[in-house]
Amino acid sequence: MPAQPLTGRTIAVPETRELEVFAGLLERRGARVLRCPLVAIRDAPDPAPVLAFARLLAEGGCDDFILTTGEGLRRLLACIERHEPALRAAFLAALARVRKITRGPKPARALRELGLQPDLAAAAPTTAGVIATLGAEDFTGRRVGVQLYGQEPNWPLREFLTGAGATVFTVAPYVYADAADAAAVRALLGQLARGAVDAIAFTSTPQVERLFAAGTAAEVRAALGTTLVAAIGPVVAATLERHGVRARLMPEDAFFLKPLTRALEEALGAPG
């Protein structure tokens, strides 16, 4: 039988939530996968602000709702179901009514899981892409809900909206926490520095930040310089760039695990 395309390749995967899904995609192509989850996604420690936003939206308090991640919508619904299940029907009815603006394919997928569709999709799956898409919109007097990316306050988007005349309400349904202990992250850096890893595939910006928190910037950059650095999309690539690292591999137009796997297969499975 012919060898699988990634046979003999070692790929580090810092993913947490879909770690086994991603690892399975790579292993079925012959790769050896280093499972090194760097961050964990957890519910917001205080559900009260999340429920307050859900009630606001359910009572007609928003005209627009900007969804930045699919995880955010799922965690918001999970919080309702766990703490105030009677609110779910009114929340979903209001979600169907408001104008839904998505920052990329993942929140759009989360809406489709509920039988809903985005009303407006950002031209690029970034904050800058959302702002560019909304640049010609009139927000005077409009009430806009913004689902935050973790606890990142997203001041550029909020300042754009308030400057355009909107009243902004934010909700942060989840937080990021360390998933691997310091020793495990240092071990990963050591393997990278020794050239034992053919590629590392980042799927979120907190993964990048966690790795850079494990050593000096120069040390982490040097370790990453020995391997093929892959990013699932432009937001992650931009975070790497801010740390002085260029993502040498990124899917062209679909920022999911399967396109990232195909890109890795094409890059590492090619002759030479």
C-alpha atoms as a PDB file:
ATOM      1  CA  MET A   1       0.000   0.000   0.000  1.00  0.00           C
ATOM      2  CA  PRO A   2       1.266   3.524  -0.717  1.00  0.00           C
ATOM      3  CA  ALA A   3       2.399   5.543   2.270  1.00  0.00           C
ATOM      4  CA  GLN A   4      -0.075   8.014   3.723  1.00  0.00           C
ATOM      5  CA  PRO A   5       0.760  11.624   2.821  1.00  0.00           C
ATOM      6  CA  LEU A   6       1.872  12.665   6.326  1.00  0.00           C
ATOM      7  CA  THR A   7       3.749   9.461   7.230  1.00  0.00           C
ATOM      8  CA  GLY A   8       6.921  10.322   9.118  1.00  0.00           C
ATOM      9  CA  ARG A   9       5.752  13.839   9.962  1.00  0.00           C
ATOM     10  CA  THR A  10       5.308  15.121  13.529  1.00  0.00           C
ATOM     11  CA  ILE A  11       2.703  17.842  14.016  1.00  0.00           C
ATOM     12  CA  ALA A  12       2.086  19.691  17.287  1.00  0.00           C
ATOM     13  CA  VAL A  13      -1.571  20.496  17.973  1.00  0.00           C
ATOM     14  CA  PRO A  14      -2.290  23.118  20.707  1.00  0.00           C
ATOM     15  CA  GLU A  15      -6.073  22.809  20.193  1.00  0.00           C
ATOM     16  CA  THR A  16      -8.298  21.995  23.191  1.00  0.00           C
ATOM     17  CA  ARG A  17     -12.009  21.854  22.388  1.00  0.00           C
ATOM     18  CA  GLU A  18     -11.660  19.868  19.145  1.00  0.00           C
ATOM     19  CA  LEU A  19      -8.301  18.297  19.950  1.00  0.00           C
ATOM     20  CA  GLU A  20      -9.272  14.717  19.129  1.00  0.00           C
ATOM     21  CA  VAL A  21     -11.119  15.764  15.972  1.00  0.00           C
ATOM     22  CA  PHE A  22      -8.057  17.590  14.664  1.00  0.00           C
ATOM     23  CA  ALA A  23      -5.634  14.900  15.824  1.00  0.00           C
ATOM     24  CA  GLY A  24      -7.760  12.236  14.133  1.00  0.00           C
ATOM     25  CA  LEU A  25      -7.747  14.112  10.820  1.00  0.00           C
ATOM     26  CA  LEU A  26      -3.946  14.248  10.906  1.00  0.00           C
ATOM     27  CA  GLU A  27      -3.386  10.700  12.173  1.00  0.00           C
ATOM     28  CA  ARG A  28      -5.591   9.235   9.444  1.00  0.00           C
ATOM     29  CA  ARG A  29      -3.115  10.792   7.017  1.00  0.00           C
ATOM     30  CA  GLY A  30      -0.204   9.138   8.772  1.00  0.00           C
ATOM     31  CA  ALA A  31       1.056  11.967  11.005  1.00  0.00           C
ATOM     32  CA  ARG A  32       2.394  11.563  14.510  1.00  0.00           C
ATOM     33  CA  VAL A  33       0.471  14.114  16.583  1.00  0.00           C
ATOM     34  CA  LEU A  34       1.841  15.841  19.656  1.00  0.00           C
ATOM     35  CA  ARG A  35      -1.249  16.681  21.706  1.00  0.00           C
ATOM     36  CA  CYS A  36      -0.390  19.832  23.646  1.00  0.00           C
ATOM     37  CA  PRO A  37      -3.578  21.726  24.591  1.00  0.00           C
ATOM     38  CA  LEU A  38      -2.423  25.178  25.682  1.00  0.00           C
ATOM     39  CA  VAL A  39      -5.695  26.799  26.757  1.00  0.00           C
ATOM     40  CA  ALA A  40      -9.088  25.719  28.025  1.00  0.00           C
ATOM     41  CA  ILE A  41     -12.421  27.392  27.325  1.00  0.00           C
ATOM     42  CA  ARG A  42     -14.618  27.768  30.406  1.00  0.00           C
ATOM     43  CA  ASP A  43     -17.983  29.340  31.150  1.00  0.00           C
ATOM     44  CA  ALA A  44     -17.917  32.900  32.457  1.00  0.00           C
ATOM     45  CA  PRO A  45     -17.343  32.587  36.222  1.00  0.00           C
ATOM     46  CA  ASP A  46     -20.327  34.834  36.989  1.00  0.00           C
ATOM     47  CA  PRO A  47     -23.461  33.967  34.990  1.00  0.00           C
ATOM     48  CA  ALA A  48     -25.349  37.098  36.105  1.00  0.00           C
ATOM     49  CA  PRO A  49     -24.000  39.499  33.409  1.00  0.00           C
ATOM     50  CA  VAL A  50     -24.556  36.846  30.729  1.00  0.00           C
ATOM     51  CA  LEU A  51     -28.168  36.326  31.823  1.00  0.00           C
ATOM     52  CA  ALA A  52     -28.716  40.086  32.049  1.00  0.00           C
ATOM     53  CA  PHE A  53     -27.683  40.440  28.406  1.00  0.00           C
ATOM     54  CA  ALA A  54     -29.881  37.502  27.410  1.00  0.00           C
ATOM     55  CA  ARG A  55     -32.885  39.158  29.095  1.00  0.00           C
ATOM     56  CA  LEU A  56     -32.071  42.466  27.395  1.00  0.00           C
ATOM     57  CA  LEU A  57     -32.080  40.841  23.975  1.00  0.00           C
ATOM     58  CA  ALA A  58     -35.173  38.737  24.753  1.00  0.00           C
ATOM     59  CA  GLU A  59     -37.074  41.876  25.786  1.00  0.00           C
ATOM     60  CA  GLY A  60     -36.304  43.655  22.504  1.00  0.00           C
ATOM     61  CA  GLY A  61     -33.394  45.710  23.811  1.00  0.00           C
ATOM     62  CA  CYS A  62     -31.151  45.200  20.746  1.00  0.00           C
ATOM     63  CA  ASP A  63     -31.617  46.052  17.081  1.00  0.00           C
ATOM     64  CA  ASP A  64     -28.390  44.339  15.990  1.00  0.00           C
ATOM     65  CA  PHE A  65     -26.311  41.504  17.434  1.00  0.00           C
ATOM     66  CA  ILE A  66     -22.686  41.068  16.377  1.00  0.00           C
ATOM     67  CA  LEU A  67     -21.486  37.483  16.867  1.00  0.00           C
ATOM     68  CA  THR A  68     -17.709  37.115  16.871  1.00  0.00           C
ATOM     69  CA  THR A  69     -17.430  33.367  17.618  1.00  0.00           C
ATOM     70  CA  GLY A  70     -19.609  30.288  17.414  1.00  0.00           C
ATOM     71  CA  GLU A  71     -18.431  29.287  20.891  1.00  0.00           C
ATOM     72  CA  GLY A  72     -19.879  32.513  22.274  1.00  0.00           C
ATOM     73  CA  LEU A  73     -23.415  31.814  21.052  1.00  0.00           C
ATOM     74  CA  ARG A  74     -23.290  28.202  22.241  1.00  0.00           C
ATOM     75  CA  ARG A  75     -22.037  29.226  25.695  1.00  0.00           C
ATOM     76  CA  LEU A  76     -24.686  31.938  25.925  1.00  0.00           C
ATOM     77  CA  LEU A  77     -27.427  29.414  25.246  1.00  0.00           C
ATOM     78  CA  ALA A  78     -25.853  26.929  27.653  1.00  0.00           C
ATOM     79  CA  CYS A  79     -25.865  29.569  30.387  1.00  0.00           C
ATOM     80  CA  ILE A  80     -29.580  30.234  29.786  1.00  0.00           C
ATOM     81  CA  GLU A  81     -30.414  26.537  29.850  1.00  0.00           C
ATOM     82  CA  ARG A  82     -28.460  25.951  33.039  1.00  0.00           C
ATOM     83  CA  HIS A  83     -29.588  28.977  35.071  1.00  0.00           C
ATOM     84  CA  GLU A  84     -32.823  30.321  33.549  1.00  0.00           C
ATOM     85  CA  PRO A  85     -34.314  27.792  31.092  1.00  0.00           C
ATOM     86  CA  ALA A  86     -37.641  29.636  30.887  1.00  0.00           C
ATOM     87  CA  LEU A  87     -35.777  32.440  29.091  1.00  0.00           C
ATOM     88  CA  ARG A  88     -34.679  30.269  26.137  1.00  0.00           C
ATOM     89  CA  ALA A  89     -37.813  30.592  23.983  1.00  0.00           C
ATOM     90  CA  ALA A  90     -37.968  34.382  24.269  1.00  0.00           C
ATOM     91  CA  PHE A  91     -34.234  34.677  23.632  1.00  0.00           C
ATOM     92  CA  LEU A  92     -34.402  32.561  20.476  1.00  0.00           C
ATOM     93  CA  ALA A  93     -37.448  34.472  19.220  1.00  0.00           C
ATOM     94  CA  ALA A  94     -35.598  37.752  19.694  1.00  0.00           C
ATOM     95  CA  LEU A  95     -32.469  36.313  18.073  1.00  0.00           C
ATOM     96  CA  ALA A  96     -34.537  35.486  15.011  1.00  0.00           C
ATOM     97  CA  ARG A  97     -35.821  39.095  14.850  1.00  0.00           C
ATOM     98  CA  VAL A  98     -32.644  41.115  15.337  1.00  0.00           C
ATOM     99  CA  ARG A  99     -30.165  41.789  12.574  1.00  0.00           C
ATOM    100  CA  LYS A 100     -27.424  39.203  13.046  1.00  0.00           C
ATOM    101  CA  ILE A 101     -23.914  40.217  11.981  1.00  0.00           C
ATOM    102  CA  THR A 102     -21.204  37.540  11.948  1.00  0.00           C
ATOM    103  CA  ARG A 103     -17.425  37.819  12.064  1.00  0.00           C
ATOM    104  CA  GLY A 104     -16.611  34.697  10.098  1.00  0.00           C
ATOM    105  CA  PRO A 105     -17.932  31.220   9.349  1.00  0.00           C
ATOM    106  CA  LYS A 106     -17.993  29.802  12.890  1.00  0.00           C
ATOM    107  CA  PRO A 107     -20.718  32.073  14.319  1.00  0.00           C
ATOM    108  CA  ALA A 108     -22.638  31.570  11.068  1.00  0.00           C
ATOM    109  CA  ARG A 109     -22.455  27.809  11.628  1.00  0.00           C
ATOM    110  CA  ALA A 110     -23.703  28.227  15.224  1.00  0.00           C
ATOM    111  CA  LEU A 111     -26.689  30.193  13.915  1.00  0.00           C
ATOM    112  CA  ARG A 112     -27.468  27.510  11.351  1.00  0.00           C
ATOM    113  CA  GLU A 113     -27.533  24.940  14.154  1.00  0.00           C
ATOM    114  CA  LEU A 114     -30.514  26.940  15.486  1.00  0.00           C
ATOM    115  CA  GLY A 115     -32.201  27.161  12.093  1.00  0.00           C
ATOM    116  CA  LEU A 116     -31.102  30.786  11.624  1.00  0.00           C
ATOM    117  CA  GLN A 117     -28.903  32.628   9.139  1.00  0.00           C
ATOM    118  CA  PRO A 118     -26.659  35.702   9.377  1.00  0.00           C
ATOM    119  CA  ASP A 119     -28.218  38.845   7.986  1.00  0.00           C
ATOM    120  CA  LEU A 120     -24.832  40.383   7.302  1.00  0.00           C
ATOM    121  CA  ALA A 121     -21.437  38.683   7.156  1.00  0.00           C
ATOM    122  CA  ALA A 122     -18.134  40.490   7.593  1.00  0.00           C
ATOM    123  CA  ALA A 123     -16.046  40.760   4.449  1.00  0.00           C
ATOM    124  CA  ALA A 124     -13.113  39.296   6.414  1.00  0.00           C
ATOM    125  CA  PRO A 125     -13.270  37.265   9.667  1.00  0.00           C
ATOM    126  CA  THR A 126     -11.600  39.972  11.752  1.00  0.00           C
ATOM    127  CA  THR A 127     -12.626  43.017  13.761  1.00  0.00           C
ATOM    128  CA  ALA A 128     -11.296  45.175  10.941  1.00  0.00           C
ATOM    129  CA  GLY A 129     -13.437  43.150   8.541  1.00  0.00           C
ATOM    130  CA  VAL A 130     -16.555  43.786  10.641  1.00  0.00           C
ATOM    131  CA  ILE A 131     -15.825  47.515  10.812  1.00  0.00           C
ATOM    132  CA  ALA A 132     -15.195  47.702   7.061  1.00  0.00           C
ATOM    133  CA  THR A 133     -18.467  45.882   6.348  1.00  0.00           C
ATOM    134  CA  LEU A 134     -20.435  48.190   8.649  1.00  0.00           C
ATOM    135  CA  GLY A 135     -18.696  51.375   7.560  1.00  0.00           C
ATOM    136  CA  ALA A 136     -21.580  52.559   5.375  1.00  0.00           C
ATOM    137  CA  GLU A 137     -24.322  51.598   7.875  1.00  0.00           C
ATOM    138  CA  ASP A 138     -26.278  54.221   9.819  1.00  0.00           C
ATOM    139  CA  PHE A 139     -26.269  53.305  13.510  1.00  0.00           C
ATOM    140  CA  THR A 140     -27.831  56.480  14.824  1.00  0.00           C
ATOM    141  CA  GLY A 141     -30.118  55.480  17.685  1.00  0.00           C
ATOM    142  CA  ARG A 142     -29.540  51.760  17.143  1.00  0.00           C
ATOM    143  CA  ARG A 143     -28.883  49.399  20.038  1.00  0.00           C
ATOM    144  CA  VAL A 144     -26.128  46.925  19.235  1.00  0.00           C
ATOM    145  CA  GLY A 145     -25.204  43.796  21.172  1.00  0.00           C
ATOM    146  CA  VAL A 146     -21.615  42.585  20.803  1.00  0.00           C
ATOM    147  CA  GLN A 147     -20.569  39.082  21.829  1.00  0.00           C
ATOM    148  CA  LEU A 148     -16.957  39.365  22.897  1.00  0.00           C
ATOM    149  CA  TYR A 149     -14.111  37.009  22.033  1.00  0.00           C
ATOM    150  CA  GLY A 150     -13.295  35.606  25.453  1.00  0.00           C
ATOM    151  CA  GLN A 151     -12.738  38.594  27.736  1.00  0.00           C
ATOM    152  CA  GLU A 152     -11.063  40.717  25.056  1.00  0.00           C
ATOM    153  CA  PRO A 153     -12.970  44.058  25.288  1.00  0.00           C
ATOM    154  CA  ASN A 154     -12.660  44.775  21.543  1.00  0.00           C
ATOM    155  CA  TRP A 155     -12.362  48.531  21.970  1.00  0.00           C
ATOM    156  CA  PRO A 156     -11.857  49.207  18.231  1.00  0.00           C
ATOM    157  CA  LEU A 157     -15.269  47.754  17.380  1.00  0.00           C
ATOM    158  CA  ARG A 158     -17.000  49.362  20.342  1.00  0.00           C
ATOM    159  CA  GLU A 159     -15.484  52.767  19.605  1.00  0.00           C
ATOM    160  CA  PHE A 160     -16.481  52.493  15.944  1.00  0.00           C
ATOM    161  CA  LEU A 161     -20.088  51.688  16.892  1.00  0.00           C
ATOM    162  CA  THR A 162     -20.432  54.447  19.494  1.00  0.00           C
ATOM    163  CA  GLY A 163     -18.801  56.893  17.096  1.00  0.00           C
ATOM    164  CA  ALA A 164     -21.434  55.919  14.516  1.00  0.00           C
ATOM    165  CA  GLY A 165     -24.231  56.738  16.962  1.00  0.00           C
ATOM    166  CA  ALA A 166     -25.009  53.322  18.433  1.00  0.00           C
ATOM    167  CA  THR A 167     -25.593  52.305  22.027  1.00  0.00           C
ATOM    168  CA  VAL A 168     -23.458  49.230  22.678  1.00  0.00           C
ATOM    169  CA  PHE A 169     -24.124  46.312  25.016  1.00  0.00           C
ATOM    170  CA  THR A 170     -21.494  43.582  25.402  1.00  0.00           C
ATOM    171  CA  VAL A 171     -21.610  40.000  26.621  1.00  0.00           C
ATOM    172  CA  ALA A 172     -18.693  37.678  27.460  1.00  0.00           C
ATOM    173  CA  PRO A 173     -20.104  34.138  27.801  1.00  0.00           C
ATOM    174  CA  TYR A 174     -16.748  32.374  28.241  1.00  0.00           C
ATOM    175  CA  VAL A 175     -13.182  32.839  29.417  1.00  0.00           C
ATOM    176  CA  TYR A 176      -9.838  31.292  28.545  1.00  0.00           C
ATOM    177  CA  ALA A 177      -7.677  29.490  31.104  1.00  0.00           C
ATOM    178  CA  ASP A 178      -4.395  27.593  30.981  1.00  0.00           C
ATOM    179  CA  ALA A 179      -4.876  23.966  29.966  1.00  0.00           C
ATOM    180  CA  ALA A 180      -1.278  22.724  30.194  1.00  0.00           C
ATOM    181  CA  ASP A 181       1.031  23.252  33.130  1.00  0.00           C
ATOM    182  CA  ALA A 182       4.224  25.240  32.717  1.00  0.00           C
ATOM    183  CA  ALA A 183       6.396  22.121  32.535  1.00  0.00           C
ATOM    184  CA  ALA A 184       4.369  20.704  29.636  1.00  0.00           C
ATOM    185  CA  VAL A 185       4.613  23.959  27.692  1.00  0.00           C
ATOM    186  CA  ARG A 186       8.358  24.131  28.331  1.00  0.00           C
ATOM    187  CA  ALA A 187       8.664  20.555  27.078  1.00  0.00           C
ATOM    188  CA  LEU A 188       6.887  21.544  23.864  1.00  0.00           C
ATOM    189  CA  LEU A 189       9.288  24.467  23.411  1.00  0.00           C
ATOM    190  CA  GLY A 190      12.189  22.067  23.895  1.00  0.00           C
ATOM    191  CA  GLN A 191      10.909  19.706  21.204  1.00  0.00           C
ATOM    192  CA  LEU A 192      10.427  22.620  18.829  1.00  0.00           C
ATOM    193  CA  ALA A 193      13.915  23.964  19.535  1.00  0.00           C
ATOM    194  CA  ARG A 194      15.480  20.543  18.866  1.00  0.00           C
ATOM    195  CA  GLY A 195      13.814  20.383  15.462  1.00  0.00           C
ATOM    196  CA  ALA A 196      11.718  17.376  16.481  1.00  0.00           C
ATOM    197  CA  VAL A 197       8.469  18.893  15.173  1.00  0.00           C
ATOM    198  CA  ASP A 198       7.688  19.333  11.489  1.00  0.00           C
ATOM    199  CA  ALA A 199       4.788  21.730  12.029  1.00  0.00           C
ATOM    200  CA  ILE A 200       2.733  23.388  14.750  1.00  0.00           C
ATOM    201  CA  ALA A 201      -0.864  24.309  13.894  1.00  0.00           C
ATOM    202  CA  PHE A 202      -2.395  27.169  15.887  1.00  0.00           C
ATOM    203  CA  THR A 203      -6.182  27.387  15.909  1.00  0.00           C
ATOM    204  CA  SER A 204      -6.773  30.351  18.264  1.00  0.00           C
ATOM    205  CA  THR A 205      -4.981  33.485  19.435  1.00  0.00           C
ATOM    206  CA  PRO A 206      -4.899  32.453  23.138  1.00  0.00           C
ATOM    207  CA  GLN A 207      -2.771  29.450  22.141  1.00  0.00           C
ATOM    208  CA  VAL A 208      -0.169  31.819  20.703  1.00  0.00           C
ATOM    209  CA  GLU A 209      -0.253  34.038  23.783  1.00  0.00           C
ATOM    210  CA  ARG A 210       0.100  31.036  26.116  1.00  0.00           C
ATOM    211  CA  LEU A 211       3.160  29.746  24.266  1.00  0.00           C
ATOM    212  CA  PHE A 212       4.828  33.163  24.365  1.00  0.00           C
ATOM    213  CA  ALA A 213       4.111  33.400  28.097  1.00  0.00           C
ATOM    214  CA  ALA A 214       6.186  30.237  28.654  1.00  0.00           C
ATOM    215  CA  GLY A 215       9.548  31.782  27.804  1.00  0.00           C
ATOM    216  CA  THR A 216      11.260  34.902  26.578  1.00  0.00           C
ATOM    217  CA  ALA A 217      10.026  36.269  23.260  1.00  0.00           C
ATOM    218  CA  ALA A 218      13.408  35.515  21.671  1.00  0.00           C
ATOM    219  CA  GLU A 219      13.360  31.936  22.957  1.00  0.00           C
ATOM    220  CA  VAL A 220       9.850  31.228  21.645  1.00  0.00           C
ATOM    221  CA  ARG A 221      10.567  32.874  18.290  1.00  0.00           C
ATOM    222  CA  ALA A 222      13.741  30.803  17.935  1.00  0.00           C
ATOM    223  CA  ALA A 223      11.849  27.586  18.751  1.00  0.00           C
ATOM    224  CA  LEU A 224       9.122  28.381  16.231  1.00  0.00           C
ATOM    225  CA  GLY A 225      11.787  29.227  13.665  1.00  0.00           C
ATOM    226  CA  THR A 226      12.703  25.534  13.430  1.00  0.00           C
ATOM    227  CA  THR A 227       9.283  24.370  12.238  1.00  0.00           C
ATOM    228  CA  LEU A 228       6.458  25.112   9.824  1.00  0.00           C
ATOM    229  CA  VAL A 229       4.088  27.472  11.646  1.00  0.00           C
ATOM    230  CA  ALA A 230       0.484  27.123  10.509  1.00  0.00           C
ATOM    231  CA  ALA A 231      -2.499  29.334  11.411  1.00  0.00           C
ATOM    232  CA  ILE A 232      -6.144  28.450  10.956  1.00  0.00           C
ATOM    233  CA  GLY A 233      -7.011  31.969   9.777  1.00  0.00           C
ATOM    234  CA  PRO A 234      -5.967  35.632   9.532  1.00  0.00           C
ATOM    235  CA  VAL A 235      -6.754  36.526  13.165  1.00  0.00           C
ATOM    236  CA  VAL A 236      -4.317  33.897  14.445  1.00  0.00           C
ATOM    237  CA  ALA A 237      -1.793  34.843  11.755  1.00  0.00           C
ATOM    238  CA  ALA A 238      -1.981  38.491  12.844  1.00  0.00           C
ATOM    239  CA  THR A 239      -1.343  37.513  16.468  1.00  0.00           C
ATOM    240  CA  LEU A 240       1.732  35.551  15.446  1.00  0.00           C
ATOM    241  CA  GLU A 241       2.890  38.530  13.378  1.00  0.00           C
ATOM    242  CA  ARG A 242       2.607  40.805  16.436  1.00  0.00           C
ATOM    243  CA  HIS A 243       5.045  38.470  18.174  1.00  0.00           C
ATOM    244  CA  GLY A 244       7.449  38.564  15.251  1.00  0.00           C
ATOM    245  CA  VAL A 245       6.506  35.178  13.768  1.00  0.00           C
ATOM    246  CA  ARG A 246       5.186  34.669  10.250  1.00  0.00           C
ATOM    247  CA  ALA A 247       2.572  31.994   9.689  1.00  0.00           C
ATOM    248  CA  ARG A 248       3.987  30.202   6.650  1.00  0.00           C
ATOM    249  CA  LEU A 249       0.802  28.231   6.109  1.00  0.00           C
ATOM    250  CA  MET A 250      -2.884  29.196   6.262  1.00  0.00           C
ATOM    251  CA  PRO A 251      -6.002  28.011   4.407  1.00  0.00           C
ATOM    252  CA  GLU A 252      -6.895  30.436   1.658  1.00  0.00           C
ATOM    253  CA  ASP A 253     -10.601  31.019   2.234  1.00  0.00           C
ATOM    254  CA  ALA A 254     -12.184  28.494   4.637  1.00  0.00           C
ATOM    255  CA  PHE A 255     -10.877  28.760   8.181  1.00  0.00           C
ATOM    256  CA  PHE A 256     -11.766  25.364   9.653  1.00  0.00           C
ATOM    257  CA  LEU A 257      -9.895  22.243  10.737  1.00  0.00           C
ATOM    258  CA  LYS A 258     -10.389  20.300   7.491  1.00  0.00           C
ATOM    259  CA  PRO A 259      -8.985  23.034   5.210  1.00  0.00           C
ATOM    260  CA  LEU A 260      -6.091  23.470   7.659  1.00  0.00           C
ATOM    261  CA  THR A 261      -5.461  19.717   7.529  1.00  0.00           C
ATOM    262  CA  ARG A 262      -5.479  19.788   3.712  1.00  0.00           C
ATOM    263  CA  ALA A 263      -3.027  22.688   3.720  1.00  0.00           C
ATOM    264  CA  LEU A 264      -0.697  20.768   6.043  1.00  0.00           C
ATOM    265  CA  GLU A 265      -1.009  17.691   3.849  1.00  0.00           C
ATOM    266  CA  GLU A 266      -0.145  19.679   0.724  1.00  0.00           C
ATOM    267  CA  ALA A 267       2.820  21.396   2.399  1.00  0.00           C
ATOM    268  CA  LEU A 268       4.334  18.426   4.228  1.00  0.00           C
ATOM    269  CA  GLY A 269       3.263  15.606   1.944  1.00  0.00           C
ATOM    270  CA  ALA A 270       4.774  17.081  -1.208  1.00  0.00           C
ATOM    271  CA  PRO A 271       8.014  15.523  -2.527  1.00  0.00           C
ATOM    272  CA  GLY A 272      11.034  17.100  -0.898  1.00  0.00           C
END
